[in-house]
């Protein structure tokens, strides 16, 4: 089943970004590391909220759970202003129940019915190792 966040991202701009191959490096106790559940120095989890006129919010985190916390704070701050009162109550109830992904998905499915439409784009961005980058930094963040 597709998560509400991925569904919202798909409606906004086509298919949601897919995870790059992990390279399956074993973590503690010989188990492969699960992406998004633990800190992964090779991946930066990024979220961007856009509207027709501008970027409204950006966040980056070392783990998917932390990114969800950051996006949930955005949703909590804006739900009352952007959603109809009953919808805002539903989103707040999901947040209070700790169902962050459901609350985020519901917010982005409903936002735009009252005021401006917003879209959430989330991606897992591979991060180059500092040792592999050129000395002048040209391989890091697209610097020239």
N, C-alpha and C. Protein backbone atom coordinates (compact mmCIF):
# COMPACT_ATOMS: atom_id res chain seq x y z
N UNK A 1 0.85 -1.18 0.00
CA UNK A 1 0.00 0.00 0.00
C UNK A 1 0.89 1.24 0.00
N UNK A 2 0.57 2.19 -0.84
CA UNK A 2 1.35 3.41 -0.95
C UNK A 2 1.02 4.33 0.21
N UNK A 3 2.04 4.95 0.80
CA UNK A 3 1.82 5.85 1.92
C UNK A 3 1.11 7.12 1.44
N UNK A 4 0.37 7.80 2.34
CA UNK A 4 -0.29 9.05 1.96
C UNK A 4 0.69 10.10 1.46
N UNK A 5 1.89 10.12 2.02
CA UNK A 5 2.88 11.11 1.58
C UNK A 5 3.30 10.83 0.16
N UNK A 6 3.60 9.58 -0.16
CA UNK A 6 3.99 9.24 -1.53
C UNK A 6 2.84 9.51 -2.49
N UNK A 7 1.58 9.22 -2.06
CA UNK A 7 0.43 9.50 -2.91
C UNK A 7 0.33 11.00 -3.17
N UNK A 8 0.49 11.82 -2.14
CA UNK A 8 0.42 13.27 -2.31
C UNK A 8 1.52 13.74 -3.25
N UNK A 9 2.72 13.20 -3.09
CA UNK A 9 3.84 13.58 -3.96
C UNK A 9 3.56 13.15 -5.40
N UNK A 10 2.97 11.97 -5.57
CA UNK A 10 2.66 11.49 -6.91
C UNK A 10 1.64 12.38 -7.60
N UNK A 11 0.61 12.80 -6.86
CA UNK A 11 -0.39 13.68 -7.45
C UNK A 11 0.21 15.02 -7.82
N UNK A 12 1.18 15.47 -7.05
CA UNK A 12 1.75 16.79 -7.26
C UNK A 12 2.69 16.84 -8.45
N UNK A 13 3.50 15.83 -8.61
CA UNK A 13 4.54 15.96 -9.63
C UNK A 13 4.96 14.63 -10.23
N UNK A 14 4.05 13.71 -10.43
CA UNK A 14 4.41 12.42 -11.00
C UNK A 14 4.90 11.48 -9.92
N UNK A 15 5.54 10.39 -10.32
CA UNK A 15 5.98 9.40 -9.34
C UNK A 15 6.94 9.98 -8.32
N UNK A 16 6.80 9.53 -7.07
CA UNK A 16 7.69 9.97 -6.00
C UNK A 16 9.08 9.40 -6.23
N UNK A 17 10.12 10.10 -5.79
CA UNK A 17 11.48 9.60 -5.96
C UNK A 17 11.65 8.24 -5.30
N UNK A 18 12.42 7.39 -5.93
CA UNK A 18 12.70 6.06 -5.40
C UNK A 18 14.02 6.08 -4.68
N UNK A 19 14.18 5.12 -3.77
CA UNK A 19 15.43 5.01 -3.03
C UNK A 19 16.53 4.48 -3.95
N UNK A 20 17.73 5.06 -3.90
CA UNK A 20 18.84 4.50 -4.65
C UNK A 20 19.25 3.18 -4.01
N UNK A 21 19.94 2.35 -4.78
CA UNK A 21 20.41 1.08 -4.25
C UNK A 21 21.27 1.32 -3.01
N UNK A 22 21.07 0.49 -2.01
CA UNK A 22 21.72 0.75 -0.73
C UNK A 22 23.14 0.21 -0.66
N UNK A 23 23.50 -0.70 -1.53
CA UNK A 23 24.82 -1.30 -1.43
C UNK A 23 24.85 -2.37 -0.35
N UNK A 24 23.75 -2.57 0.34
CA UNK A 24 23.54 -3.57 1.38
C UNK A 24 24.75 -3.82 2.26
N UNK A 25 25.24 -2.78 2.90
CA UNK A 25 26.31 -2.95 3.86
C UNK A 25 25.72 -3.42 5.18
N UNK A 26 26.27 -4.49 5.76
CA UNK A 26 25.70 -4.96 7.02
C UNK A 26 25.92 -3.97 8.14
N UNK A 27 24.91 -3.86 9.00
CA UNK A 27 25.01 -3.02 10.18
C UNK A 27 25.28 -3.93 11.38
N UNK A 28 24.94 -3.47 12.57
CA UNK A 28 25.16 -4.24 13.78
C UNK A 28 24.48 -5.60 13.69
N UNK A 29 25.06 -6.60 14.28
CA UNK A 29 24.53 -7.95 14.36
C UNK A 29 24.33 -8.57 13.00
N UNK A 30 25.04 -8.12 11.99
CA UNK A 30 24.99 -8.74 10.68
C UNK A 30 23.72 -8.48 9.89
N UNK A 31 22.85 -7.58 10.37
CA UNK A 31 21.63 -7.27 9.64
C UNK A 31 21.89 -6.08 8.72
N UNK A 32 21.27 -6.06 7.53
CA UNK A 32 21.41 -4.88 6.69
C UNK A 32 20.75 -3.68 7.35
N UNK A 33 21.29 -2.53 7.12
CA UNK A 33 20.75 -1.29 7.66
C UNK A 33 19.46 -0.96 6.93
N UNK A 34 18.42 -0.61 7.67
CA UNK A 34 17.15 -0.20 7.07
C UNK A 34 17.20 1.30 6.86
N UNK A 35 17.05 1.72 5.63
CA UNK A 35 17.11 3.15 5.33
C UNK A 35 15.90 3.84 5.90
N UNK A 36 16.15 5.01 6.45
CA UNK A 36 15.08 5.82 6.98
C UNK A 36 14.73 5.51 8.42
N UNK A 37 15.23 4.41 8.95
CA UNK A 37 14.91 4.08 10.33
C UNK A 37 16.06 4.39 11.25
N UNK A 38 17.27 4.45 10.74
CA UNK A 38 18.44 4.80 11.54
C UNK A 38 19.22 5.87 10.80
N UNK A 39 20.10 6.50 11.49
CA UNK A 39 20.90 7.55 10.86
C UNK A 39 21.79 6.91 9.81
N UNK A 40 21.84 7.45 8.63
CA UNK A 40 22.64 6.92 7.53
C UNK A 40 23.47 8.07 6.98
N UNK A 41 24.78 8.04 7.19
CA UNK A 41 25.65 9.14 6.80
C UNK A 41 25.71 9.32 5.28
N UNK A 42 25.24 8.35 4.51
CA UNK A 42 25.31 8.45 3.06
C UNK A 42 24.05 9.01 2.43
N UNK A 43 23.02 9.26 3.24
CA UNK A 43 21.75 9.74 2.70
C UNK A 43 21.26 10.93 3.51
N UNK A 44 20.79 11.95 2.81
CA UNK A 44 20.15 13.09 3.45
C UNK A 44 18.68 13.04 3.05
N UNK A 45 17.80 13.09 4.03
CA UNK A 45 16.37 13.04 3.78
C UNK A 45 15.87 14.48 3.69
N UNK A 46 15.23 14.82 2.57
CA UNK A 46 14.88 16.20 2.25
C UNK A 46 13.38 16.31 1.97
N UNK A 47 12.79 17.41 2.45
CA UNK A 47 11.39 17.73 2.14
C UNK A 47 11.30 19.18 1.72
N UNK A 48 10.46 19.44 0.72
CA UNK A 48 10.21 20.79 0.25
C UNK A 48 8.70 20.95 0.07
N UNK A 49 8.16 22.02 0.63
CA UNK A 49 6.75 22.35 0.43
C UNK A 49 6.73 23.54 -0.53
N UNK A 50 6.00 23.37 -1.63
CA UNK A 50 5.91 24.43 -2.63
C UNK A 50 4.46 24.82 -2.85
N UNK A 51 4.27 26.06 -3.24
CA UNK A 51 2.98 26.58 -3.65
C UNK A 51 3.17 27.15 -5.05
N UNK A 52 2.12 27.70 -5.61
CA UNK A 52 2.22 28.21 -6.98
C UNK A 52 3.24 29.33 -7.11
N UNK A 53 3.47 30.05 -6.00
CA UNK A 53 4.30 31.25 -6.10
C UNK A 53 5.68 31.13 -5.48
N UNK A 54 5.90 30.13 -4.62
CA UNK A 54 7.20 30.07 -3.95
C UNK A 54 7.37 28.78 -3.16
N UNK A 55 8.58 28.59 -2.70
CA UNK A 55 8.87 27.52 -1.75
C UNK A 55 8.45 28.03 -0.38
N UNK A 56 7.66 27.24 0.33
CA UNK A 56 7.16 27.68 1.64
C UNK A 56 7.91 27.07 2.81
N UNK A 57 8.56 25.94 2.57
CA UNK A 57 9.23 25.25 3.67
C UNK A 57 10.24 24.27 3.09
N UNK A 58 11.38 24.17 3.75
CA UNK A 58 12.36 23.15 3.42
C UNK A 58 12.87 22.53 4.71
N UNK A 59 13.24 21.27 4.62
CA UNK A 59 13.82 20.59 5.78
C UNK A 59 14.74 19.50 5.25
N UNK A 60 15.78 19.24 6.02
CA UNK A 60 16.70 18.15 5.73
C UNK A 60 17.07 17.50 7.05
N UNK A 61 17.17 16.18 7.03
CA UNK A 61 17.48 15.45 8.26
C UNK A 61 18.30 14.22 7.94
N UNK A 62 18.95 13.70 8.96
CA UNK A 62 19.78 12.52 8.81
C UNK A 62 18.96 11.23 8.81
N UNK A 63 17.67 11.31 9.19
CA UNK A 63 16.83 10.11 9.19
C UNK A 63 15.42 10.48 8.75
N UNK A 64 14.71 9.51 8.22
CA UNK A 64 13.33 9.74 7.79
C UNK A 64 12.43 10.09 8.98
N UNK A 65 12.54 9.40 10.13
CA UNK A 65 11.70 9.79 11.27
C UNK A 65 11.90 11.25 11.69
N UNK A 66 13.14 11.73 11.67
CA UNK A 66 13.39 13.13 12.02
C UNK A 66 12.78 14.07 10.99
N UNK A 67 12.88 13.70 9.72
CA UNK A 67 12.27 14.52 8.67
C UNK A 67 10.75 14.59 8.86
N UNK A 68 10.12 13.46 9.19
CA UNK A 68 8.69 13.45 9.42
C UNK A 68 8.32 14.37 10.59
N UNK A 69 9.16 14.39 11.64
CA UNK A 69 8.92 15.30 12.76
C UNK A 69 8.94 16.75 12.28
N UNK A 70 9.92 17.09 11.45
CA UNK A 70 10.05 18.46 10.94
C UNK A 70 8.85 18.86 10.09
N UNK A 71 8.43 17.97 9.19
CA UNK A 71 7.27 18.26 8.33
C UNK A 71 6.00 18.34 9.18
N UNK A 72 5.89 17.48 10.18
CA UNK A 72 4.73 17.50 11.07
C UNK A 72 4.63 18.84 11.81
N UNK A 73 5.77 19.41 12.20
CA UNK A 73 5.74 20.74 12.84
C UNK A 73 5.20 21.79 11.86
N UNK A 74 5.59 21.72 10.60
CA UNK A 74 5.06 22.64 9.59
C UNK A 74 3.54 22.48 9.48
N UNK A 75 3.10 21.23 9.38
CA UNK A 75 1.67 20.94 9.25
C UNK A 75 0.91 21.47 10.47
N UNK A 76 1.45 21.24 11.67
CA UNK A 76 0.81 21.70 12.90
C UNK A 76 0.66 23.23 12.89
N UNK A 77 1.70 23.95 12.44
CA UNK A 77 1.67 25.42 12.42
C UNK A 77 0.67 25.97 11.40
N UNK A 78 0.44 25.25 10.30
CA UNK A 78 -0.35 25.81 9.20
C UNK A 78 -1.75 25.22 9.05
N UNK A 79 -2.03 24.13 9.71
CA UNK A 79 -3.33 23.47 9.50
C UNK A 79 -4.51 24.39 9.79
N UNK A 80 -4.49 25.12 10.91
CA UNK A 80 -5.63 25.96 11.26
C UNK A 80 -5.87 27.08 10.26
N UNK A 81 -4.82 27.61 9.67
CA UNK A 81 -4.97 28.70 8.70
C UNK A 81 -5.29 28.21 7.29
N UNK A 82 -4.79 27.04 6.92
CA UNK A 82 -4.91 26.58 5.54
C UNK A 82 -6.09 25.65 5.29
N UNK A 83 -6.55 24.95 6.32
CA UNK A 83 -7.63 23.97 6.15
C UNK A 83 -8.94 24.47 6.74
N UNK A 84 -10.03 23.88 6.29
CA UNK A 84 -11.32 24.15 6.92
C UNK A 84 -11.26 23.63 8.35
N UNK A 85 -12.00 24.23 9.28
CA UNK A 85 -11.89 23.86 10.70
C UNK A 85 -12.03 22.35 10.99
N UNK A 86 -12.99 21.69 10.38
CA UNK A 86 -13.16 20.24 10.64
C UNK A 86 -11.94 19.45 10.15
N UNK A 87 -11.41 19.83 9.01
CA UNK A 87 -10.22 19.15 8.47
C UNK A 87 -9.01 19.41 9.36
N UNK A 88 -8.87 20.64 9.83
CA UNK A 88 -7.75 20.96 10.73
C UNK A 88 -7.83 20.15 12.01
N UNK A 89 -9.06 19.98 12.54
CA UNK A 89 -9.24 19.16 13.75
C UNK A 89 -8.80 17.72 13.50
N UNK A 90 -9.17 17.18 12.33
CA UNK A 90 -8.77 15.80 11.99
C UNK A 90 -7.25 15.67 11.93
N UNK A 91 -6.61 16.63 11.30
CA UNK A 91 -5.14 16.60 11.18
C UNK A 91 -4.49 16.71 12.56
N UNK A 92 -4.99 17.62 13.39
CA UNK A 92 -4.44 17.76 14.75
C UNK A 92 -4.62 16.48 15.56
N UNK A 93 -5.76 15.82 15.40
CA UNK A 93 -6.01 14.56 16.12
C UNK A 93 -5.01 13.48 15.69
N UNK A 94 -4.72 13.42 14.41
CA UNK A 94 -3.73 12.45 13.93
C UNK A 94 -2.35 12.78 14.50
N UNK A 95 -2.00 14.06 14.52
CA UNK A 95 -0.71 14.46 15.08
C UNK A 95 -0.63 14.10 16.57
N UNK A 96 -1.69 14.38 17.31
CA UNK A 96 -1.70 14.09 18.74
C UNK A 96 -1.63 12.59 19.01
N UNK A 97 -2.15 11.78 18.08
CA UNK A 97 -2.09 10.33 18.22
C UNK A 97 -0.74 9.77 17.79
N UNK A 98 0.15 10.65 17.32
CA UNK A 98 1.48 10.20 16.89
C UNK A 98 1.50 9.61 15.50
N UNK A 99 0.44 9.78 14.75
CA UNK A 99 0.35 9.25 13.38
C UNK A 99 0.80 10.33 12.40
N UNK A 100 2.11 10.60 12.45
CA UNK A 100 2.66 11.72 11.69
C UNK A 100 2.46 11.57 10.20
N UNK A 101 2.77 10.41 9.67
CA UNK A 101 2.66 10.22 8.22
C UNK A 101 1.22 10.37 7.76
N UNK A 102 0.28 9.85 8.54
CA UNK A 102 -1.14 9.99 8.19
C UNK A 102 -1.56 11.45 8.25
N UNK A 103 -1.12 12.18 9.27
CA UNK A 103 -1.46 13.59 9.41
C UNK A 103 -0.89 14.41 8.26
N UNK A 104 0.35 14.14 7.91
CA UNK A 104 0.99 14.86 6.81
C UNK A 104 0.27 14.56 5.50
N UNK A 105 -0.02 13.31 5.26
CA UNK A 105 -0.73 12.92 4.04
C UNK A 105 -2.10 13.57 3.96
N UNK A 106 -2.82 13.59 5.08
CA UNK A 106 -4.16 14.19 5.10
C UNK A 106 -4.08 15.70 4.84
N UNK A 107 -3.13 16.37 5.49
CA UNK A 107 -2.97 17.81 5.28
C UNK A 107 -2.75 18.11 3.79
N UNK A 108 -1.82 17.40 3.16
CA UNK A 108 -1.50 17.72 1.76
C UNK A 108 -2.58 17.24 0.79
N UNK A 109 -3.40 16.29 1.21
CA UNK A 109 -4.53 15.89 0.37
C UNK A 109 -5.64 16.95 0.42
N UNK A 110 -5.75 17.68 1.55
CA UNK A 110 -6.83 18.64 1.74
C UNK A 110 -6.44 20.09 1.48
N UNK A 111 -5.17 20.42 1.64
CA UNK A 111 -4.76 21.81 1.49
C UNK A 111 -5.06 22.27 0.07
N UNK A 112 -5.57 23.47 -0.04
CA UNK A 112 -5.97 24.01 -1.34
C UNK A 112 -7.48 24.08 -1.49
N UNK A 113 -8.22 23.35 -0.66
CA UNK A 113 -9.67 23.42 -0.72
C UNK A 113 -10.17 24.75 -0.16
N UNK A 114 -9.40 25.33 0.76
CA UNK A 114 -9.80 26.60 1.38
C UNK A 114 -8.97 27.76 0.82
N UNK A 115 -7.66 27.63 0.85
CA UNK A 115 -6.76 28.68 0.37
C UNK A 115 -5.82 28.08 -0.67
N UNK A 116 -4.59 28.53 -0.68
CA UNK A 116 -3.64 28.12 -1.72
C UNK A 116 -3.26 26.65 -1.61
N UNK A 117 -3.14 26.01 -2.76
CA UNK A 117 -2.70 24.62 -2.84
C UNK A 117 -1.21 24.57 -2.51
N UNK A 118 -0.79 23.52 -1.82
CA UNK A 118 0.62 23.27 -1.52
C UNK A 118 0.93 21.84 -1.93
N UNK A 119 2.18 21.61 -2.28
CA UNK A 119 2.63 20.28 -2.62
C UNK A 119 3.85 19.94 -1.77
N UNK A 120 3.92 18.69 -1.37
CA UNK A 120 5.06 18.20 -0.61
C UNK A 120 5.88 17.29 -1.52
N UNK A 121 7.16 17.57 -1.60
CA UNK A 121 8.09 16.72 -2.33
C UNK A 121 9.12 16.22 -1.33
N UNK A 122 9.28 14.91 -1.26
CA UNK A 122 10.27 14.32 -0.36
C UNK A 122 11.22 13.47 -1.19
N UNK A 123 12.49 13.49 -0.80
CA UNK A 123 13.49 12.70 -1.51
C UNK A 123 14.58 12.26 -0.55
N UNK A 124 15.19 11.14 -0.88
CA UNK A 124 16.37 10.65 -0.18
C UNK A 124 17.54 10.97 -1.09
N UNK A 125 18.42 11.85 -0.66
CA UNK A 125 19.50 12.35 -1.51
C UNK A 125 20.82 11.71 -1.09
N UNK A 126 21.47 10.99 -2.01
CA UNK A 126 22.79 10.45 -1.66
C UNK A 126 23.77 11.59 -1.41
N UNK A 127 24.59 11.43 -0.39
CA UNK A 127 25.57 12.45 -0.03
C UNK A 127 26.95 11.86 -0.29
N UNK A 128 27.76 12.61 -1.04
CA UNK A 128 29.11 12.16 -1.34
C UNK A 128 29.96 12.18 -0.08
N UNK A 129 30.83 11.20 0.06
CA UNK A 129 31.79 11.21 1.16
C UNK A 129 32.75 12.36 0.97
N UNK A 130 33.10 13.04 2.04
CA UNK A 130 34.04 14.15 1.96
C UNK A 130 35.38 13.69 1.38
N UNK A 131 35.79 12.47 1.68
CA UNK A 131 37.07 11.94 1.18
C UNK A 131 37.05 11.78 -0.34
N UNK A 132 35.85 11.55 -0.92
CA UNK A 132 35.76 11.33 -2.36
C UNK A 132 35.65 12.63 -3.14
N UNK A 133 35.37 13.73 -2.48
CA UNK A 133 35.18 15.01 -3.16
C UNK A 133 36.52 15.62 -3.55
N UNK A 134 36.47 16.44 -4.60
CA UNK A 134 37.68 17.17 -4.99
C UNK A 134 38.08 18.11 -3.88
N UNK A 135 39.37 18.45 -3.84
CA UNK A 135 39.89 19.34 -2.81
C UNK A 135 39.20 20.70 -2.86
N UNK A 136 38.85 21.19 -4.05
CA UNK A 136 38.21 22.50 -4.16
C UNK A 136 36.72 22.45 -3.85
N UNK A 137 36.18 21.27 -3.58
CA UNK A 137 34.78 21.15 -3.22
C UNK A 137 33.83 21.08 -4.40
N UNK A 138 34.34 20.92 -5.62
CA UNK A 138 33.49 20.97 -6.79
C UNK A 138 32.52 19.80 -6.87
N UNK A 139 32.75 18.72 -6.15
CA UNK A 139 31.82 17.60 -6.15
C UNK A 139 30.79 17.69 -5.05
N UNK A 140 30.88 18.69 -4.21
CA UNK A 140 29.98 18.82 -3.08
C UNK A 140 29.01 19.96 -3.33
N UNK A 141 27.72 19.68 -3.32
CA UNK A 141 26.66 20.66 -3.48
C UNK A 141 26.76 21.46 -4.77
N UNK A 142 27.35 20.87 -5.80
CA UNK A 142 27.39 21.52 -7.10
C UNK A 142 28.24 22.75 -7.18
N UNK A 143 29.15 22.94 -6.22
CA UNK A 143 30.04 24.11 -6.25
C UNK A 143 30.97 24.04 -7.44
N UNK A 144 31.35 25.16 -7.97
CA UNK A 144 32.24 25.19 -9.12
C UNK A 144 33.68 25.36 -8.69
